[in-house]
N, C-alpha and C. Protein backbone atom coordinates (compact mmCIF):
# COMPACT_ATOMS: atom_id res chain seq x y z
N MET A 1 -11.50 9.18 2.67
CA MET A 1 -12.07 9.86 1.91
C MET A 1 -12.91 10.79 1.92
N ASP A 2 -13.26 12.33 2.20
CA ASP A 2 -14.73 12.40 2.07
C ASP A 2 -15.63 13.49 0.64
N LEU A 3 -16.47 13.13 1.39
CA LEU A 3 -17.28 13.04 -0.41
C LEU A 3 -18.26 14.84 0.10
N VAL A 4 -18.31 15.47 -0.56
CA VAL A 4 -18.72 16.91 -0.23
C VAL A 4 -20.09 17.53 -1.63
N LEU A 5 -20.82 17.00 -1.00
CA LEU A 5 -22.20 17.83 -2.35
C LEU A 5 -22.87 19.20 -1.93
N ASN A 6 -22.55 19.56 -3.42
CA ASN A 6 -23.09 21.22 -3.47
C ASN A 6 -23.69 21.24 -4.22
N ASN A 7 -24.79 21.53 -3.76
CA ASN A 7 -25.97 21.98 -4.40
C ASN A 7 -26.38 20.93 -5.44
N VAL A 8 -25.90 19.74 -5.51
CA VAL A 8 -26.08 18.62 -6.27
C VAL A 8 -28.09 18.19 -6.43
N GLY A 9 -27.98 18.17 -7.89
CA GLY A 9 -29.37 17.41 -8.63
C GLY A 9 -29.33 16.87 -9.80
N LYS A 10 -30.62 16.19 -10.06
CA LYS A 10 -30.10 14.81 -11.04
C LYS A 10 -31.33 14.67 -11.93
N ARG A 11 -31.73 15.19 -13.20
CA ARG A 11 -32.97 14.88 -13.94
C ARG A 11 -32.56 14.16 -15.25
N TYR A 12 -34.02 13.82 -15.55
CA TYR A 12 -33.52 12.99 -16.66
C TYR A 12 -34.88 13.88 -17.80
N ARG A 13 -34.43 14.11 -18.76
CA ARG A 13 -35.53 15.08 -19.63
C ARG A 13 -35.79 16.30 -18.92
N PHE A 14 -37.20 16.16 -18.71
CA PHE A 14 -37.28 17.61 -17.67
C PHE A 14 -37.96 17.19 -16.34
N ASP A 15 -37.83 15.76 -15.78
CA ASP A 15 -38.32 15.58 -14.42
C ASP A 15 -37.06 15.32 -13.79
N TRP A 16 -36.81 16.59 -12.60
CA TRP A 16 -35.69 16.29 -11.68
C TRP A 16 -36.32 15.33 -10.72
N ILE A 17 -35.06 13.81 -10.29
CA ILE A 17 -35.32 12.75 -9.80
C ILE A 17 -34.97 13.44 -8.14
N PHE A 18 -34.15 14.42 -8.32
CA PHE A 18 -33.79 14.77 -6.60
C PHE A 18 -33.18 15.87 -7.31
N ARG A 19 -33.13 17.07 -5.86
CA ARG A 19 -32.44 18.36 -6.67
C ARG A 19 -32.12 19.20 -4.74
N HIS A 20 -31.03 20.36 -5.13
CA HIS A 20 -30.61 20.80 -3.94
C HIS A 20 -29.79 19.96 -2.73
N ILE A 21 -29.15 19.09 -3.43
CA ILE A 21 -28.64 18.40 -1.87
C ILE A 21 -27.49 18.83 -1.78
N ASP A 22 -27.09 19.43 -0.43
CA ASP A 22 -25.80 19.86 0.18
C ASP A 22 -25.88 19.37 1.43
N TYR A 23 -24.34 18.30 1.40
CA TYR A 23 -23.97 17.66 2.42
C TYR A 23 -22.77 16.68 1.78
N GLN A 24 -22.25 16.31 3.39
CA GLN A 24 -20.55 15.95 3.39
C GLN A 24 -20.90 14.51 4.21
N PHE A 25 -20.59 13.59 3.27
CA PHE A 25 -20.14 12.17 4.05
C PHE A 25 -18.34 12.69 4.29
N LYS A 26 -18.44 11.65 6.23
CA LYS A 26 -17.50 12.07 6.20
C LYS A 26 -16.01 10.87 6.35
N ALA A 27 -15.18 10.69 6.40
CA ALA A 27 -14.06 9.01 6.10
C ALA A 27 -14.47 8.67 7.94
N GLY A 28 -14.35 7.64 7.23
CA GLY A 28 -14.54 6.43 8.24
C GLY A 28 -15.72 6.44 8.32
N GLN A 29 -16.69 7.54 8.36
CA GLN A 29 -18.19 7.26 9.61
C GLN A 29 -19.14 5.85 7.92
N GLN A 30 -20.66 6.01 8.57
CA GLN A 30 -20.85 4.89 8.05
C GLN A 30 -22.63 5.57 7.57
N TYR A 31 -23.07 5.56 6.39
CA TYR A 31 -24.44 6.00 6.13
C TYR A 31 -25.31 5.05 5.37
N ALA A 32 -26.46 5.55 5.86
CA ALA A 32 -27.51 4.69 4.67
C ALA A 32 -28.32 6.06 3.86
N ILE A 33 -28.60 5.54 3.10
CA ILE A 33 -29.28 6.60 2.24
C ILE A 33 -30.77 5.99 1.79
N LEU A 34 -31.77 6.58 2.08
CA LEU A 34 -33.05 6.00 2.16
C LEU A 34 -34.43 6.75 1.60
N GLY A 35 -35.10 5.65 1.29
CA GLY A 35 -35.90 6.03 0.38
C GLY A 35 -36.92 4.89 -0.43
N PRO A 36 -37.91 5.06 -1.21
CA PRO A 36 -38.87 4.10 -1.55
C PRO A 36 -38.05 3.76 -2.64
N ASN A 37 -38.36 1.91 -3.23
CA ASN A 37 -37.69 1.81 -4.54
C ASN A 37 -38.16 3.08 -5.60
N GLY A 38 -37.67 3.50 -6.50
CA GLY A 38 -37.57 4.22 -7.32
C GLY A 38 -37.82 5.45 -6.75
N SER A 39 -37.40 5.69 -5.90
CA SER A 39 -37.07 7.44 -5.27
C SER A 39 -35.66 8.09 -5.71
N GLY A 40 -34.85 7.27 -6.22
CA GLY A 40 -33.45 7.66 -6.89
C GLY A 40 -32.15 7.16 -6.13
N LYS A 41 -32.65 6.73 -5.02
CA LYS A 41 -30.81 6.22 -3.96
C LYS A 41 -30.05 5.28 -5.31
N SER A 42 -30.08 4.74 -6.13
CA SER A 42 -29.53 4.30 -6.94
C SER A 42 -28.86 4.84 -7.89
N THR A 43 -29.32 6.14 -8.41
CA THR A 43 -29.17 7.38 -9.39
C THR A 43 -28.10 8.35 -8.48
N LEU A 44 -28.58 8.67 -7.23
CA LEU A 44 -27.61 9.61 -6.00
C LEU A 44 -26.17 8.02 -5.79
N MET A 45 -26.01 6.98 -5.93
CA MET A 45 -25.23 6.05 -4.96
C MET A 45 -24.16 6.05 -6.96
N LYS A 46 -24.88 6.55 -8.13
CA LYS A 46 -24.34 6.28 -9.33
C LYS A 46 -23.19 7.13 -9.09
N ILE A 47 -23.80 8.75 -8.42
CA ILE A 47 -23.01 9.80 -8.79
C ILE A 47 -22.28 9.95 -7.70
N LEU A 48 -21.93 9.31 -6.81
CA LEU A 48 -21.38 9.21 -5.60
C LEU A 48 -20.22 8.33 -5.47
N SER A 49 -20.16 7.24 -6.69
CA SER A 49 -19.52 6.77 -7.24
C SER A 49 -18.15 7.33 -8.90
N GLY A 50 -18.63 8.34 -9.12
CA GLY A 50 -18.00 9.07 -9.88
C GLY A 50 -18.34 8.72 -11.98
N HIS A 51 -19.85 7.26 -11.36
CA HIS A 51 -19.86 7.27 -12.68
C HIS A 51 -20.88 7.84 -13.80
N LEU A 52 -21.46 8.61 -12.58
CA LEU A 52 -22.76 9.71 -13.63
C LEU A 52 -22.40 11.09 -12.79
N THR A 53 -22.78 11.92 -14.07
CA THR A 53 -22.55 13.20 -13.61
C THR A 53 -23.46 14.41 -13.27
N PRO A 54 -24.10 14.77 -12.15
CA PRO A 54 -24.79 15.44 -11.85
C PRO A 54 -25.37 16.33 -13.11
N SER A 55 -26.73 16.65 -13.19
CA SER A 55 -27.36 17.73 -13.71
C SER A 55 -26.67 19.27 -13.52
N LYS A 56 -26.97 19.42 -11.73
CA LYS A 56 -26.59 20.58 -11.72
C LYS A 56 -25.75 20.39 -10.13
N GLY A 57 -24.57 21.19 -9.95
CA GLY A 57 -24.43 20.87 -8.79
C GLY A 57 -22.94 20.13 -8.82
N LYS A 58 -22.08 19.57 -7.91
CA LYS A 58 -20.80 19.32 -8.46
C LYS A 58 -20.60 18.99 -6.85
N VAL A 59 -19.75 17.57 -6.74
CA VAL A 59 -19.50 16.39 -6.17
C VAL A 59 -17.92 16.85 -5.56
N GLU A 60 -17.69 16.99 -4.80
CA GLU A 60 -16.15 16.74 -4.44
C GLU A 60 -15.09 15.91 -3.26
N PHE A 61 -14.20 15.22 -3.91
CA PHE A 61 -13.42 13.79 -3.13
C PHE A 61 -12.59 14.69 -2.56
N LEU A 62 -12.60 14.54 -1.62
CA LEU A 62 -11.22 14.94 -0.51
C LEU A 62 -10.77 13.74 -0.46
N LYS A 63 -9.65 13.95 -0.11
CA LYS A 63 -8.20 12.84 0.78
C LYS A 63 -7.40 13.84 1.23
N ASP A 64 -7.79 13.73 2.74
CA ASP A 64 -6.60 14.50 3.66
C ASP A 64 -6.80 15.66 3.17
N GLY A 65 -8.31 16.49 2.76
CA GLY A 65 -8.13 17.89 2.61
C GLY A 65 -7.89 18.25 1.09
N LYS A 66 -7.43 17.04 0.32
CA LYS A 66 -6.94 18.10 -0.89
C LYS A 66 -8.02 17.38 -1.80
N LYS A 67 -8.05 17.77 -3.12
CA LYS A 67 -9.50 17.29 -4.02
C LYS A 67 -8.70 16.07 -4.70
N VAL A 68 -9.37 14.79 -5.04
CA VAL A 68 -9.18 14.13 -5.97
C VAL A 68 -9.80 13.97 -7.42
N LEU A 69 -8.64 14.35 -8.70
CA LEU A 69 -9.14 14.05 -9.44
C LEU A 69 -10.50 13.12 -9.94
N LEU A 70 -11.30 13.72 -10.65
CA LEU A 70 -12.80 12.36 -11.33
C LEU A 70 -11.83 11.57 -11.70
N ASP A 71 -11.12 10.91 -12.53
CA ASP A 71 -10.25 10.30 -13.62
C ASP A 71 -9.62 9.21 -12.33
N ARG A 72 -9.34 9.52 -11.32
CA ARG A 72 -8.47 8.56 -10.04
C ARG A 72 -9.23 8.19 -9.60
N ILE A 73 -10.66 8.91 -9.17
CA ILE A 73 -11.27 8.12 -8.17
C ILE A 73 -11.78 6.93 -8.17
N TYR A 74 -11.93 5.72 -9.22
CA TYR A 74 -11.68 4.99 -8.91
C TYR A 74 -11.04 3.48 -8.19
N LYS A 75 -9.71 3.99 -8.17
CA LYS A 75 -8.92 3.04 -7.05
C LYS A 75 -9.11 3.49 -5.83
N SER A 76 -10.14 4.47 -5.34
CA SER A 76 -10.73 4.58 -3.87
C SER A 76 -11.84 4.24 -3.84
N VAL A 77 -12.70 3.78 -4.66
CA VAL A 77 -14.01 3.34 -4.18
C VAL A 77 -14.02 1.44 -4.91
N SER A 78 -14.64 1.10 -3.69
CA SER A 78 -15.32 -0.42 -4.78
C SER A 78 -17.12 -0.36 -4.04
N TYR A 79 -17.64 -1.19 -5.35
CA TYR A 79 -19.38 -0.89 -5.38
C TYR A 79 -19.69 -1.94 -5.92
N ALA A 80 -20.95 -2.10 -4.86
CA ALA A 80 -21.62 -3.27 -5.22
C ALA A 80 -23.00 -3.42 -5.07
N ALA A 81 -23.90 -3.52 -6.54
CA ALA A 81 -25.30 -3.06 -6.70
C ALA A 81 -25.85 -4.55 -7.60
N PRO A 82 -27.28 -4.66 -7.41
CA PRO A 82 -27.72 -5.64 -8.66
C PRO A 82 -27.35 -5.27 -9.92
N TYR A 83 -27.18 -3.99 -10.00
CA TYR A 83 -27.43 -3.83 -11.64
C TYR A 83 -25.45 -4.25 -12.23
N ILE A 84 -24.15 -4.13 -11.47
CA ILE A 84 -23.58 -4.68 -11.44
C ILE A 84 -23.04 -5.81 -11.82
N ASP A 85 -22.90 -6.03 -13.33
CA ASP A 85 -22.64 -7.20 -13.24
C ASP A 85 -21.15 -7.87 -13.30
N VAL A 86 -20.75 -9.74 -12.61
CA VAL A 86 -20.16 -10.12 -12.56
C VAL A 86 -20.08 -10.91 -14.10
N ILE A 87 -18.48 -11.33 -14.98
CA ILE A 87 -18.18 -11.57 -15.65
C ILE A 87 -18.30 -13.50 -15.51
N GLU A 88 -20.01 -13.54 -16.31
CA GLU A 88 -19.96 -14.92 -16.12
C GLU A 88 -19.62 -16.34 -16.83
N GLU A 89 -18.46 -15.73 -18.20
CA GLU A 89 -18.07 -17.07 -18.60
C GLU A 89 -16.58 -16.94 -17.61
N MET A 90 -16.27 -16.59 -16.81
CA MET A 90 -15.06 -17.30 -16.10
C MET A 90 -15.53 -17.77 -14.93
N THR A 91 -14.42 -18.42 -14.68
CA THR A 91 -14.56 -19.48 -13.21
C THR A 91 -14.66 -18.26 -11.96
N LEU A 92 -14.98 -18.97 -11.03
CA LEU A 92 -14.84 -18.46 -9.19
C LEU A 92 -13.43 -18.09 -9.66
N GLU A 93 -12.33 -18.37 -9.24
CA GLU A 93 -11.35 -18.30 -9.46
C GLU A 93 -10.88 -17.52 -10.05
N GLU A 94 -11.27 -17.63 -11.38
CA GLU A 94 -10.37 -15.83 -12.65
C GLU A 94 -11.30 -15.09 -12.33
N ALA A 95 -12.52 -14.91 -11.52
CA ALA A 95 -13.07 -13.67 -11.65
C ALA A 95 -12.46 -13.00 -10.32
N ILE A 96 -11.91 -13.63 -9.15
CA ILE A 96 -11.42 -13.29 -8.49
C ILE A 96 -9.88 -12.36 -8.45
N ASN A 97 -9.44 -13.22 -9.22
CA ASN A 97 -7.99 -12.49 -9.51
C ASN A 97 -7.90 -11.94 -10.26
N PHE A 98 -8.99 -11.68 -11.53
CA PHE A 98 -9.54 -11.03 -12.74
C PHE A 98 -9.57 -9.47 -11.88
N HIS A 99 -10.05 -9.56 -10.97
CA HIS A 99 -10.50 -8.45 -9.67
C HIS A 99 -9.52 -8.06 -9.14
N ARG A 100 -9.02 -8.61 -8.57
CA ARG A 100 -7.42 -8.31 -7.87
C ARG A 100 -7.06 -7.71 -8.92
N ARG A 101 -6.19 -7.65 -10.43
CA ARG A 101 -5.61 -7.12 -10.80
C ARG A 101 -5.80 -5.37 -11.22
N PHE A 102 -6.88 -4.77 -10.67
CA PHE A 102 -7.42 -3.83 -10.50
C PHE A 102 -7.33 -3.17 -9.25
N LYS A 103 -7.70 -4.28 -7.69
CA LYS A 103 -8.09 -3.47 -6.54
C LYS A 103 -7.69 -4.34 -5.89
N PRO A 104 -6.62 -3.87 -4.85
CA PRO A 104 -5.60 -4.50 -4.04
C PRO A 104 -6.68 -4.96 -2.94
N MET A 105 -6.52 -6.04 -2.63
CA MET A 105 -8.09 -6.79 -0.98
C MET A 105 -6.81 -6.28 0.57
N LEU A 106 -8.12 -6.15 1.07
CA LEU A 106 -7.08 -6.07 2.04
C LEU A 106 -6.58 -7.07 2.93
N GLN A 107 -5.63 -6.31 3.96
CA GLN A 107 -5.21 -7.20 4.70
C GLN A 107 -4.49 -8.54 4.41
N GLY A 108 -3.98 -8.35 2.85
CA GLY A 108 -3.45 -8.91 2.24
C GLY A 108 -3.94 -10.71 1.89
N LEU A 109 -5.75 -10.47 2.36
CA LEU A 109 -6.37 -11.13 1.75
C LEU A 109 -6.03 -12.29 -0.22
N ASN A 110 -5.23 -13.08 -0.09
CA ASN A 110 -5.40 -13.73 -1.51
C ASN A 110 -6.66 -14.54 -2.24
N THR A 111 -6.06 -15.00 -3.29
CA THR A 111 -7.60 -15.47 -3.57
C THR A 111 -8.25 -16.82 -3.15
N ALA A 112 -7.31 -17.38 -2.74
CA ALA A 112 -8.04 -18.41 -1.49
C ALA A 112 -8.49 -18.15 -0.11
N ALA A 113 -8.06 -17.09 0.33
CA ALA A 113 -8.92 -16.69 1.16
C ALA A 113 -10.03 -15.69 1.05
N ILE A 114 -10.33 -15.35 -0.13
CA ILE A 114 -11.60 -15.15 -0.24
C ILE A 114 -12.76 -16.10 -0.60
N ILE A 115 -11.86 -17.05 -1.47
CA ILE A 115 -12.99 -18.30 -1.53
C ILE A 115 -12.92 -19.04 -0.25
N ASP A 116 -12.75 -18.78 0.51
CA ASP A 116 -12.66 -19.57 1.76
C ASP A 116 -14.11 -18.29 2.37
N LEU A 117 -13.76 -17.04 2.30
CA LEU A 117 -14.80 -15.90 2.86
C LEU A 117 -16.46 -16.44 2.73
N LEU A 118 -16.35 -17.19 0.94
CA LEU A 118 -17.84 -17.50 0.80
C LEU A 118 -17.99 -18.20 0.87
N GLY A 119 -16.68 -19.27 1.05
CA GLY A 119 -17.62 -21.04 1.97
C GLY A 119 -17.66 -21.32 0.57
N PHE A 120 -16.71 -21.41 -0.98
CA PHE A 120 -17.27 -21.71 -2.16
C PHE A 120 -15.92 -22.51 -2.12
N SER A 121 -15.90 -23.78 -1.44
CA SER A 121 -14.75 -24.11 -1.86
C SER A 121 -14.84 -24.72 -3.04
N LYS A 122 -15.46 -25.67 -3.14
CA LYS A 122 -16.04 -26.72 -4.09
C LYS A 122 -16.58 -26.19 -5.63
N SER A 123 -16.47 -25.14 -5.40
CA SER A 123 -16.93 -24.05 -6.72
C SER A 123 -15.78 -23.05 -7.51
N ARG A 124 -14.74 -23.14 -6.87
CA ARG A 124 -13.35 -22.34 -7.49
C ARG A 124 -13.37 -22.83 -8.91
N ASN A 125 -13.51 -23.60 -9.53
CA ASN A 125 -12.96 -23.97 -10.62
C ASN A 125 -14.36 -23.58 -11.68
N LYS A 126 -15.59 -23.27 -11.19
CA LYS A 126 -16.98 -23.13 -11.60
C LYS A 126 -17.55 -21.90 -12.53
N GLU A 127 -17.95 -22.35 -13.01
CA GLU A 127 -18.21 -20.66 -13.88
C GLU A 127 -19.26 -20.38 -13.22
N ILE A 128 -19.28 -18.17 -13.26
CA ILE A 128 -19.87 -17.71 -12.65
C ILE A 128 -21.86 -17.94 -13.29
N ARG A 129 -21.81 -18.25 -14.03
CA ARG A 129 -23.04 -18.41 -14.95
C ARG A 129 -23.46 -19.62 -14.40
N PHE A 130 -23.24 -20.51 -13.79
CA PHE A 130 -23.79 -22.13 -13.46
C PHE A 130 -24.49 -21.72 -11.63
N PHE A 131 -23.64 -20.33 -11.42
CA PHE A 131 -23.83 -20.13 -9.71
C PHE A 131 -25.81 -19.14 -9.87
N SER A 132 -26.24 -19.46 -8.30
CA SER A 132 -27.56 -19.11 -8.20
C SER A 132 -27.46 -17.51 -7.88
N SER A 133 -28.31 -17.19 -8.01
CA SER A 133 -28.57 -15.95 -7.79
C SER A 133 -28.29 -14.93 -6.63
N GLY A 134 -27.78 -15.92 -5.17
CA GLY A 134 -27.44 -15.93 -3.83
C GLY A 134 -25.83 -15.57 -4.22
N MET A 135 -25.29 -17.18 -4.57
CA MET A 135 -24.09 -16.83 -5.03
C MET A 135 -23.33 -16.05 -5.61
N LYS A 136 -24.05 -15.17 -6.53
CA LYS A 136 -23.88 -14.37 -7.44
C LYS A 136 -23.13 -12.77 -6.71
N GLN A 137 -24.38 -12.63 -6.09
CA GLN A 137 -24.74 -11.65 -4.94
C GLN A 137 -23.60 -11.93 -3.31
N ARG A 138 -22.89 -12.92 -3.75
CA ARG A 138 -22.31 -13.08 -2.20
C ARG A 138 -21.14 -12.75 -3.08
N LEU A 139 -20.59 -13.04 -4.03
CA LEU A 139 -18.97 -12.69 -4.76
C LEU A 139 -19.37 -11.05 -5.18
N LYS A 140 -19.97 -10.27 -5.45
CA LYS A 140 -20.36 -9.16 -5.76
C LYS A 140 -19.79 -8.41 -4.27
N LEU A 141 -20.56 -8.80 -3.08
CA LEU A 141 -20.35 -8.46 -1.90
C LEU A 141 -18.77 -8.71 -1.14
N VAL A 142 -18.31 -9.84 -1.70
CA VAL A 142 -16.86 -10.05 -0.63
C VAL A 142 -16.14 -8.94 -2.05
N LEU A 143 -16.11 -8.67 -2.98
CA LEU A 143 -15.34 -8.08 -3.97
C LEU A 143 -15.31 -7.01 -3.70
N ALA A 144 -16.18 -6.26 -3.52
CA ALA A 144 -16.40 -4.91 -2.75
C ALA A 144 -15.50 -4.45 -1.43
N ILE A 145 -16.21 -5.16 -0.33
CA ILE A 145 -16.18 -5.13 0.95
C ILE A 145 -14.66 -5.15 1.12
N CYS A 146 -14.30 -6.68 0.72
CA CYS A 146 -12.77 -7.13 0.74
C CYS A 146 -11.51 -6.11 0.33
N SER A 147 -12.29 -5.05 -0.77
CA SER A 147 -11.20 -4.38 -1.35
C SER A 147 -10.50 -3.08 -1.03
N ASP A 148 -9.71 -2.93 -0.89
CA ASP A 148 -8.56 -2.03 -0.07
C ASP A 148 -9.49 -0.86 -0.77
N THR A 149 -10.17 -0.07 0.00
CA THR A 149 -10.64 1.35 -0.82
C THR A 149 -10.88 2.33 0.86
N GLU A 150 -11.13 3.02 -0.01
CA GLU A 150 -11.30 4.25 0.99
C GLU A 150 -13.05 4.22 1.15
N LEU A 151 -13.54 4.10 0.39
CA LEU A 151 -14.88 4.59 -0.09
C LEU A 151 -15.64 3.30 -0.26
N LEU A 152 -16.60 2.65 0.31
CA LEU A 152 -17.33 1.64 0.07
C LEU A 152 -18.79 1.90 -0.30
N LEU A 153 -18.86 1.64 -1.50
CA LEU A 153 -20.85 1.90 -1.49
C LEU A 153 -21.40 0.35 -1.82
N LEU A 154 -22.67 0.40 -1.33
CA LEU A 154 -23.71 -0.97 -0.93
C LEU A 154 -24.70 -0.31 -1.33
N ASP A 155 -25.06 -0.56 -2.65
CA ASP A 155 -27.06 -0.65 -3.20
C ASP A 155 -26.90 -2.04 -2.91
N GLU A 156 -28.89 -1.83 -2.24
CA GLU A 156 -29.45 -3.35 -1.70
C GLU A 156 -28.80 -4.01 -1.41
N PRO A 157 -27.65 -4.61 -0.40
CA PRO A 157 -26.66 -5.36 -0.57
C PRO A 157 -27.24 -6.82 -0.65
N THR A 158 -28.06 -7.09 0.40
CA THR A 158 -28.82 -8.50 0.82
C THR A 158 -29.42 -8.81 -0.52
N THR A 159 -30.06 -8.17 -1.36
CA THR A 159 -30.57 -8.48 -2.38
C THR A 159 -30.60 -10.38 -2.84
N ASN A 160 -31.18 -10.72 -2.91
CA ASN A 160 -31.44 -12.45 -3.59
C ASN A 160 -30.60 -13.10 -1.97
N LEU A 161 -30.09 -12.45 -0.75
CA LEU A 161 -29.61 -13.40 0.22
C LEU A 161 -30.38 -13.75 1.21
N ASP A 162 -30.48 -15.15 1.49
CA ASP A 162 -31.43 -15.71 3.02
C ASP A 162 -30.99 -15.11 3.92
N GLN A 163 -31.48 -16.43 4.93
CA GLN A 163 -31.57 -15.15 6.46
C GLN A 163 -29.54 -15.71 6.61
N GLN A 164 -28.70 -16.97 6.44
CA GLN A 164 -27.65 -17.26 6.63
C GLN A 164 -26.68 -16.36 5.78
N GLY A 165 -27.19 -15.82 4.93
CA GLY A 165 -26.53 -14.58 4.03
C GLY A 165 -26.60 -13.21 4.78
N PHE A 166 -27.68 -12.97 5.62
CA PHE A 166 -27.96 -12.00 6.12
C PHE A 166 -26.82 -11.55 7.43
N LYS A 167 -26.83 -12.98 7.57
CA LYS A 167 -25.89 -12.76 9.02
C LYS A 167 -24.00 -13.02 8.27
N TRP A 168 -23.52 -13.50 7.12
CA TRP A 168 -22.55 -13.76 6.59
C TRP A 168 -22.22 -12.10 6.08
N TYR A 169 -23.48 -11.21 5.63
CA TYR A 169 -23.11 -10.10 5.25
C TYR A 169 -22.48 -9.12 6.55
N ARG A 170 -23.35 -9.18 7.61
CA ARG A 170 -23.03 -8.54 8.87
C ARG A 170 -21.79 -9.07 8.92
N SER A 171 -20.85 -10.15 9.06
CA SER A 171 -19.84 -10.47 9.68
C SER A 171 -18.34 -9.58 8.23
N LEU A 172 -18.85 -10.11 7.26
CA LEU A 172 -17.96 -9.18 6.45
C LEU A 172 -18.13 -7.71 6.84
N ILE A 173 -19.24 -7.00 7.23
CA ILE A 173 -19.01 -5.55 7.91
C ILE A 173 -18.38 -5.26 8.91
N ASP A 174 -18.49 -6.37 10.01
CA ASP A 174 -18.30 -6.27 11.07
C ASP A 174 -16.53 -6.13 10.70
N GLN A 175 -16.03 -7.39 10.60
CA GLN A 175 -14.73 -7.41 10.07
C GLN A 175 -14.02 -5.97 9.20
N TYR A 176 -14.58 -5.80 8.32
CA TYR A 176 -13.59 -5.51 7.06
C TYR A 176 -14.00 -4.43 6.69
N THR A 177 -14.76 -3.04 7.67
CA THR A 177 -15.10 -1.97 7.18
C THR A 177 -15.02 -0.86 8.24
N GLN A 178 -13.63 -1.42 9.46
CA GLN A 178 -12.99 -0.15 10.18
C GLN A 178 -12.70 1.36 9.44
N ASN A 179 -13.14 2.13 10.10
CA ASN A 179 -11.94 2.89 9.67
C ASN A 179 -12.04 3.69 7.50
N ARG A 180 -13.86 3.41 7.35
CA ARG A 180 -13.61 3.44 5.99
C ARG A 180 -14.75 4.47 5.80
N LEU A 181 -15.03 5.12 4.45
CA LEU A 181 -16.81 5.73 4.67
C LEU A 181 -17.61 4.91 3.75
N VAL A 182 -18.64 4.80 4.24
CA VAL A 182 -19.09 2.91 4.48
C VAL A 182 -20.74 3.75 3.93
N ILE A 183 -21.26 3.88 2.90
CA ILE A 183 -22.67 4.39 2.10
C ILE A 183 -23.47 3.10 1.63
N VAL A 184 -24.53 3.23 2.39
CA VAL A 184 -25.64 2.09 2.24
C VAL A 184 -26.90 2.35 1.47
N ALA A 185 -27.05 2.31 0.11
CA ALA A 185 -28.59 2.50 0.24
C ALA A 185 -29.17 1.16 0.07
N SER A 186 -30.72 1.76 0.84
CA SER A 186 -30.93 0.46 1.01
C SER A 186 -33.14 1.09 1.63
N ASN A 187 -33.51 0.12 1.42
CA ASN A 187 -34.68 0.23 2.24
C ASN A 187 -35.35 -0.69 3.37
N VAL A 188 -34.46 -2.04 3.31
CA VAL A 188 -34.54 -3.17 4.12
C VAL A 188 -33.42 -2.39 5.50
N GLU A 189 -33.88 -2.51 7.11
CA GLU A 189 -33.30 -2.16 7.78
C GLU A 189 -32.13 -2.80 8.07
N MET A 190 -32.20 -3.85 7.56
CA MET A 190 -31.10 -5.09 8.11
C MET A 190 -29.77 -4.99 7.35
N ASP A 191 -29.98 -3.97 6.03
CA ASP A 191 -28.79 -3.97 5.44
C ASP A 191 -28.34 -2.45 5.62
N TYR A 192 -28.51 -1.83 6.72
CA TYR A 192 -27.89 -0.76 7.14
C TYR A 192 -27.69 -0.56 8.71
N ALA A 193 -28.82 -0.96 9.28
CA ALA A 193 -28.36 -1.40 10.46
C ALA A 193 -27.34 -1.04 11.38
N PHE A 194 -26.20 -0.93 10.79
CA PHE A 194 -24.94 -0.45 11.76
C PHE A 194 -24.41 0.97 11.40
N CYS A 195 -25.16 1.83 10.27
CA CYS A 195 -24.96 3.10 9.97
C CYS A 195 -25.50 3.90 10.83
N THR A 196 -24.73 5.26 11.33
CA THR A 196 -24.85 6.19 12.42
C THR A 196 -25.61 7.26 11.61
N GLU A 197 -25.42 7.38 10.76
CA GLU A 197 -26.21 8.60 9.59
C GLU A 197 -27.08 8.31 8.84
N HIS A 198 -28.22 8.97 8.18
CA HIS A 198 -29.24 8.58 7.48
C HIS A 198 -29.50 10.01 6.96
N LEU A 199 -29.41 9.72 5.86
CA LEU A 199 -29.42 10.75 4.50
C LEU A 199 -31.26 9.90 3.62
N ASN A 200 -32.28 10.98 4.07
CA ASN A 200 -33.85 10.69 3.02
C ASN A 200 -33.73 10.97 1.82
N ILE A 201 -33.69 10.94 0.69
CA ILE A 201 -33.76 10.70 -0.39
C ILE A 201 -35.18 11.48 -0.30
N LEU A 202 -36.42 11.30 0.44
CA LEU A 202 -37.71 12.18 -0.40
C LEU A 202 -37.41 13.35 0.65
N ASP A 203 -36.14 14.16 1.89
CA ASP A 203 -36.62 15.29 1.47
C ASP A 203 -36.11 15.97 0.71
N PHE A 204 -35.21 15.58 -0.56
CA PHE A 204 -34.84 16.24 -1.71
C PHE A 204 -35.65 16.18 -2.80
N LYS A 205 -36.83 14.91 -2.51
CA LYS A 205 -38.23 15.45 -3.44
C LYS A 205 -38.43 16.80 -2.94
N LYS A 206 -39.00 17.02 -1.74
CA LYS A 206 -40.07 17.94 -1.58
C LYS A 206 -39.28 19.72 -1.82
N LYS A 207 -37.72 19.37 -2.47
CA LYS A 207 -37.50 20.88 -2.74
C LYS A 207 -37.48 21.01 -4.17
N LEU A 208 -37.80 20.26 -5.05
CA LEU A 208 -37.75 20.12 -6.31
C LEU A 208 -38.89 21.50 -6.80
N ALA A 209 -40.12 22.16 -6.27
CA ALA A 209 -40.56 23.29 -6.90
C ALA A 209 -39.41 24.80 -7.12
């Protein structure tokens, strides 16, 4: 899947967050969206996911060169971010099974395999609300990264992860993101070190005038 941004801008009330973004994210490539906290990275990610409409311009989703309708995009996108919650009243096993009803997993991964990847075998029947913040983040990441989608969006992926969690995150990236369009929004280099292309959101704040 390719994403093509044509003169994309977003504003809240009278203030432009960014403006005049002309850019193409190409299938199978890995991109980093950079910028300090509050610069608009997450806003752009929401636009790229189809969850937020730009104030100006448009985003085209192309699959094999053909436009994908906006109401069909969700099938091709998986997305992990600190502001996306899991259902905390569910157990770990219930949460994974619920997710799999909407998104198939890669390489035939089943619920047991996902729990093994997490290393949470003893927490299979534990409700998510009793998980630590790091455990919740791992769950968000594994569900997004291991979903069978062409587009993977990761916003500040290592939030609440310790050093071991960093290594675990990179192992998932190395194993499960081949030939997918991956976009990471972060200002932590470890999050996006594998990305070959960088887009700095500040470059599109200079054009607000």
